[in-house]
Amino acid sequence: MKTSTLALAALFLLPTTTIAAEPTPADFGAAFCKGGIDNDMSAIEAALTPDLAKVIAEAEAKNAEIQAATPDEKPPLGDGLPWRSWPDYADGCEVGTIAEDAGKTLVEIRYSFTSSPDANYADHLVLIPAATGSDSWQLDDIKLIDGMTLRSVLAGAFEQ
């Protein structure tokens, strides 16, 4: 399983001259869906912008401090990183529309629930071209429902 995760991460990070086809935002969205369904976001974590990686690392460090200080209580990130609007497991995930917005690419991720179709919703990945100058993509944020973002949820998790 680690080998396939590393290969998927390489799809987004290696220059296009080393892979058969250029990865697209839709490919990134599909990898994001696969990671969410499989509960393994390591390939996506390998394709974060440096700034988002720093925000996540800082949030995880704060979370660990809180967990160590109060081991009998659930810390703010006790359900893991908020990769989607709701922590409930969605049994369906597909890539929707792809649009450009202020130099960033928005990839719609549609979550579905077989047993509760009324609970279906969509988030949007915010992608930017990789800093390496290749045609790969990096995740810079996630637009969640209700005007929230991954970054704002992480910041708000530690406000008191």
C-alpha atoms as a PDB file:
ATOM      1  CA  MET A   1       0.000   0.000   0.000  1.00  0.00           C
ATOM      2  CA  LYS A   2       2.878   2.398   0.772  1.00  0.00           C
ATOM      3  CA  THR A   3       4.274   1.856  -2.714  1.00  0.00           C
ATOM      4  CA  SER A   4       1.027   2.917  -4.382  1.00  0.00           C
ATOM      5  CA  THR A   5       0.771   5.933  -2.066  1.00  0.00           C
ATOM      6  CA  LEU A   6       4.288   7.016  -2.954  1.00  0.00           C
ATOM      7  CA  ALA A   7       3.606   6.492  -6.646  1.00  0.00           C
ATOM      8  CA  LEU A   8       0.475   8.619  -6.388  1.00  0.00           C
ATOM      9  CA  ALA A   9       2.384  11.362  -4.593  1.00  0.00           C
ATOM     10  CA  ALA A  10       5.037  11.236  -7.299  1.00  0.00           C
ATOM     11  CA  LEU A  11       2.338  11.849  -9.901  1.00  0.00           C
ATOM     12  CA  PHE A  12       1.916  15.356  -8.518  1.00  0.00           C
ATOM     13  CA  LEU A  13       5.485  16.171  -7.605  1.00  0.00           C
ATOM     14  CA  LEU A  14       7.664  14.874 -10.421  1.00  0.00           C
ATOM     15  CA  PRO A  15       8.303  16.924 -13.550  1.00  0.00           C
ATOM     16  CA  THR A  16       6.077  15.873 -16.428  1.00  0.00           C
ATOM     17  CA  THR A  17       9.076  14.686 -18.420  1.00  0.00           C
ATOM     18  CA  THR A  18       9.328  11.683 -16.082  1.00  0.00           C
ATOM     19  CA  ILE A  19       5.698  10.550 -16.392  1.00  0.00           C
ATOM     20  CA  ALA A  20       3.664   9.545 -19.391  1.00  0.00           C
ATOM     21  CA  ALA A  21       0.992  12.216 -19.129  1.00  0.00           C
ATOM     22  CA  GLU A  22       0.653  15.541 -17.393  1.00  0.00           C
ATOM     23  CA  PRO A  23      -1.462  15.262 -14.240  1.00  0.00           C
ATOM     24  CA  THR A  24      -4.579  17.381 -14.405  1.00  0.00           C
ATOM     25  CA  PRO A  25      -6.633  19.043 -11.675  1.00  0.00           C
ATOM     26  CA  ALA A  26      -9.181  16.262 -12.264  1.00  0.00           C
ATOM     27  CA  ASP A  27      -6.453  13.684 -11.548  1.00  0.00           C
ATOM     28  CA  PHE A  28      -5.641  15.497  -8.314  1.00  0.00           C
ATOM     29  CA  GLY A  29      -9.334  15.512  -7.393  1.00  0.00           C
ATOM     30  CA  ALA A  30      -9.599  11.787  -8.098  1.00  0.00           C
ATOM     31  CA  ALA A  31      -6.571  11.116  -5.885  1.00  0.00           C
ATOM     32  CA  PHE A  32      -8.161  13.267  -3.164  1.00  0.00           C
ATOM     33  CA  CYS A  33     -11.384  11.247  -3.390  1.00  0.00           C
ATOM     34  CA  LYS A  34      -9.467   7.960  -3.264  1.00  0.00           C
ATOM     35  CA  GLY A  35      -7.562   9.132  -0.197  1.00  0.00           C
ATOM     36  CA  GLY A  36     -10.787  10.135   1.537  1.00  0.00           C
ATOM     37  CA  ILE A  37     -12.580   6.881   0.751  1.00  0.00           C
ATOM     38  CA  ASP A  38      -9.522   4.810   1.746  1.00  0.00           C
ATOM     39  CA  ASN A  39      -8.858   7.000   4.819  1.00  0.00           C
ATOM     40  CA  ASP A  40      -5.271   7.553   3.652  1.00  0.00           C
ATOM     41  CA  MET A  41      -4.453  11.145   2.728  1.00  0.00           C
ATOM     42  CA  SER A  42      -0.664  10.635   2.597  1.00  0.00           C
ATOM     43  CA  ALA A  43      -0.489  11.237  -1.169  1.00  0.00           C
ATOM     44  CA  ILE A  44      -2.349  14.517  -0.737  1.00  0.00           C
ATOM     45  CA  GLU A  45      -0.196  15.503   2.237  1.00  0.00           C
ATOM     46  CA  ALA A  46       2.834  15.038  -0.026  1.00  0.00           C
ATOM     47  CA  ALA A  47       1.326  17.539  -2.485  1.00  0.00           C
ATOM     48  CA  LEU A  48       0.578  20.460  -0.145  1.00  0.00           C
ATOM     49  CA  THR A  49       1.924  23.943  -0.746  1.00  0.00           C
ATOM     50  CA  PRO A  50       4.734  24.738   1.698  1.00  0.00           C
ATOM     51  CA  ASP A  51       2.515  27.320   3.404  1.00  0.00           C
ATOM     52  CA  LEU A  52      -0.408  24.926   3.914  1.00  0.00           C
ATOM     53  CA  ALA A  53       1.999  22.221   5.113  1.00  0.00           C
ATOM     54  CA  LYS A  54       3.305  24.697   7.715  1.00  0.00           C
ATOM     55  CA  VAL A  55      -0.235  25.601   8.862  1.00  0.00           C
ATOM     56  CA  ILE A  56      -1.098  21.921   9.248  1.00  0.00           C
ATOM     57  CA  ALA A  57       2.162  21.114  11.084  1.00  0.00           C
ATOM     58  CA  GLU A  58       1.542  23.973  13.531  1.00  0.00           C
ATOM     59  CA  ALA A  59      -2.041  22.805  14.137  1.00  0.00           C
ATOM     60  CA  GLU A  60      -0.890  19.222  14.703  1.00  0.00           C
ATOM     61  CA  ALA A  61       1.772  20.430  17.175  1.00  0.00           C
ATOM     62  CA  LYS A  62      -0.799  22.466  19.127  1.00  0.00           C
ATOM     63  CA  ASN A  63      -3.138  19.500  19.091  1.00  0.00           C
ATOM     64  CA  ALA A  64      -0.405  17.231  20.475  1.00  0.00           C
ATOM     65  CA  GLU A  65       0.318  19.730  23.271  1.00  0.00           C
ATOM     66  CA  ILE A  66      -3.346  19.828  24.255  1.00  0.00           C
ATOM     67  CA  GLN A  67      -3.583  16.031  24.112  1.00  0.00           C
ATOM     68  CA  ALA A  68      -0.516  15.673  26.349  1.00  0.00           C
ATOM     69  CA  ALA A  69      -1.873  18.206  28.860  1.00  0.00           C
ATOM     70  CA  THR A  70      -5.350  16.655  28.988  1.00  0.00           C
ATOM     71  CA  PRO A  71      -5.031  12.992  27.950  1.00  0.00           C
ATOM     72  CA  ASP A  72      -8.555  12.087  29.050  1.00  0.00           C
ATOM     73  CA  GLU A  73     -10.177  14.702  26.802  1.00  0.00           C
ATOM     74  CA  LYS A  74     -10.626  14.741  23.048  1.00  0.00           C
ATOM     75  CA  PRO A  75      -8.313  17.372  21.509  1.00  0.00           C
ATOM     76  CA  PRO A  76      -9.520  19.820  18.824  1.00  0.00           C
ATOM     77  CA  LEU A  77      -8.242  17.581  16.028  1.00  0.00           C
ATOM     78  CA  GLY A  78      -9.407  14.394  17.700  1.00  0.00           C
ATOM     79  CA  ASP A  79     -11.226  13.354  14.518  1.00  0.00           C
ATOM     80  CA  GLY A  80      -8.135  14.057  12.406  1.00  0.00           C
ATOM     81  CA  LEU A  81      -7.525  16.868   9.964  1.00  0.00           C
ATOM     82  CA  PRO A  82     -10.712  18.414   8.561  1.00  0.00           C
ATOM     83  CA  TRP A  83     -10.175  17.411   4.931  1.00  0.00           C
ATOM     84  CA  ARG A  84     -13.918  17.909   4.273  1.00  0.00           C
ATOM     85  CA  SER A  85     -16.825  19.893   5.662  1.00  0.00           C
ATOM     86  CA  TRP A  86     -18.196  17.027   7.750  1.00  0.00           C
ATOM     87  CA  PRO A  87     -16.218  14.261   9.463  1.00  0.00           C
ATOM     88  CA  ASP A  88     -18.931  11.707   8.642  1.00  0.00           C
ATOM     89  CA  TYR A  89     -17.671   9.003   6.304  1.00  0.00           C
ATOM     90  CA  ALA A  90     -19.009   9.567   2.784  1.00  0.00           C
ATOM     91  CA  ASP A  91     -19.241   6.335   0.826  1.00  0.00           C
ATOM     92  CA  GLY A  92     -19.187   8.215  -2.469  1.00  0.00           C
ATOM     93  CA  CYS A  93     -16.796  10.846  -3.784  1.00  0.00           C
ATOM     94  CA  GLU A  94     -16.391  12.194  -7.282  1.00  0.00           C
ATOM     95  CA  VAL A  95     -14.799  15.100  -9.070  1.00  0.00           C
ATOM     96  CA  GLY A  96     -17.245  17.749 -10.256  1.00  0.00           C
ATOM     97  CA  THR A  97     -16.671  21.007 -12.064  1.00  0.00           C
ATOM     98  CA  ILE A  98     -13.250  22.582 -12.456  1.00  0.00           C
ATOM     99  CA  ALA A  99     -12.936  26.356 -12.632  1.00  0.00           C
ATOM    100  CA  GLU A 100     -10.299  29.072 -12.522  1.00  0.00           C
ATOM    101  CA  ASP A 101     -10.479  31.773  -9.835  1.00  0.00           C
ATOM    102  CA  ALA A 102      -7.849  34.479  -9.346  1.00  0.00           C
ATOM    103  CA  GLY A 103      -4.985  32.348 -10.672  1.00  0.00           C
ATOM    104  CA  LYS A 104      -6.030  29.269  -8.715  1.00  0.00           C
ATOM    105  CA  THR A 105      -7.855  26.191  -9.907  1.00  0.00           C
ATOM    106  CA  LEU A 106     -10.956  25.102  -8.006  1.00  0.00           C
ATOM    107  CA  VAL A 107     -11.846  21.425  -8.177  1.00  0.00           C
ATOM    108  CA  GLU A 108     -15.293  20.496  -6.936  1.00  0.00           C
ATOM    109  CA  ILE A 109     -15.352  17.372  -4.775  1.00  0.00           C
ATOM    110  CA  ARG A 110     -18.842  15.882  -4.473  1.00  0.00           C
ATOM    111  CA  TYR A 111     -19.496  13.735  -1.426  1.00  0.00           C
ATOM    112  CA  SER A 112     -22.434  11.351  -1.340  1.00  0.00           C
ATOM    113  CA  PHE A 113     -24.067   9.082   1.187  1.00  0.00           C
ATOM    114  CA  THR A 114     -25.917   6.051  -0.174  1.00  0.00           C
ATOM    115  CA  SER A 115     -28.151   5.749   2.891  1.00  0.00           C
ATOM    116  CA  SER A 116     -28.794   9.521   3.197  1.00  0.00           C
ATOM    117  CA  PRO A 117     -28.808  11.237  -0.212  1.00  0.00           C
ATOM    118  CA  ASP A 118     -30.134  14.445   1.362  1.00  0.00           C
ATOM    119  CA  ALA A 119     -26.780  14.775   3.165  1.00  0.00           C
ATOM    120  CA  ASN A 120     -24.756  15.025  -0.072  1.00  0.00           C
ATOM    121  CA  TYR A 121     -22.571  18.125  -0.375  1.00  0.00           C
ATOM    122  CA  ALA A 122     -19.570  19.518  -2.242  1.00  0.00           C
ATOM    123  CA  ASP A 123     -16.297  21.134  -1.194  1.00  0.00           C
ATOM    124  CA  HIS A 124     -13.721  22.726  -3.518  1.00  0.00           C
ATOM    125  CA  LEU A 125     -10.002  22.026  -3.600  1.00  0.00           C
ATOM    126  CA  VAL A 126      -7.890  25.132  -4.193  1.00  0.00           C
ATOM    127  CA  LEU A 127      -4.954  24.094  -6.367  1.00  0.00           C
ATOM    128  CA  ILE A 128      -1.986  26.039  -7.615  1.00  0.00           C
ATOM    129  CA  PRO A 129       0.738  24.947 -10.022  1.00  0.00           C
ATOM    130  CA  ALA A 130       3.653  23.328  -8.223  1.00  0.00           C
ATOM    131  CA  ALA A 131       6.489  25.698  -7.421  1.00  0.00           C
ATOM    132  CA  THR A 132       8.904  23.436  -9.275  1.00  0.00           C
ATOM    133  CA  GLY A 133       7.702  24.881 -12.567  1.00  0.00           C
ATOM    134  CA  SER A 134       6.394  21.530 -13.698  1.00  0.00           C
ATOM    135  CA  ASP A 135       2.817  20.873 -14.699  1.00  0.00           C
ATOM    136  CA  SER A 136       2.010  19.285 -11.343  1.00  0.00           C
ATOM    137  CA  TRP A 137      -0.392  20.667  -8.765  1.00  0.00           C
ATOM    138  CA  GLN A 138      -0.309  21.493  -5.081  1.00  0.00           C
ATOM    139  CA  LEU A 139      -3.186  21.839  -2.633  1.00  0.00           C
ATOM    140  CA  ASP A 140      -3.252  25.333  -1.134  1.00  0.00           C
ATOM    141  CA  ASP A 141      -6.600  25.178   0.719  1.00  0.00           C
ATOM    142  CA  ILE A 142     -10.062  23.637   0.673  1.00  0.00           C
ATOM    143  CA  LYS A 143     -13.213  25.716   0.412  1.00  0.00           C
ATOM    144  CA  LEU A 144     -15.695  24.039   2.709  1.00  0.00           C
ATOM    145  CA  ILE A 145     -19.404  24.717   2.970  1.00  0.00           C
ATOM    146  CA  ASP A 146     -20.737  27.733   4.896  1.00  0.00           C
ATOM    147  CA  GLY A 147     -17.835  29.956   3.788  1.00  0.00           C
ATOM    148  CA  MET A 148     -15.256  28.048   5.816  1.00  0.00           C
ATOM    149  CA  THR A 149     -11.868  26.863   4.582  1.00  0.00           C
ATOM    150  CA  LEU A 150      -9.430  24.243   5.805  1.00  0.00           C
ATOM    151  CA  ARG A 151      -7.158  27.054   6.982  1.00  0.00           C
ATOM    152  CA  SER A 152      -9.920  28.872   8.888  1.00  0.00           C
ATOM    153  CA  VAL A 153     -11.120  25.670  10.557  1.00  0.00           C
ATOM    154  CA  LEU A 154      -7.584  24.850  11.702  1.00  0.00           C
ATOM    155  CA  ALA A 155      -7.102  28.380  13.073  1.00  0.00           C
ATOM    156  CA  GLY A 156     -10.490  28.325  14.805  1.00  0.00           C
ATOM    157  CA  ALA A 157      -9.905  24.931  16.395  1.00  0.00           C
ATOM    158  CA  PHE A 158      -7.475  26.459  18.866  1.00  0.00           C
ATOM    159  CA  GLU A 159      -9.266  29.710  19.701  1.00  0.00           C
ATOM    160  CA  GLN A 160     -10.607  29.899  23.214  1.00  0.00           C
END
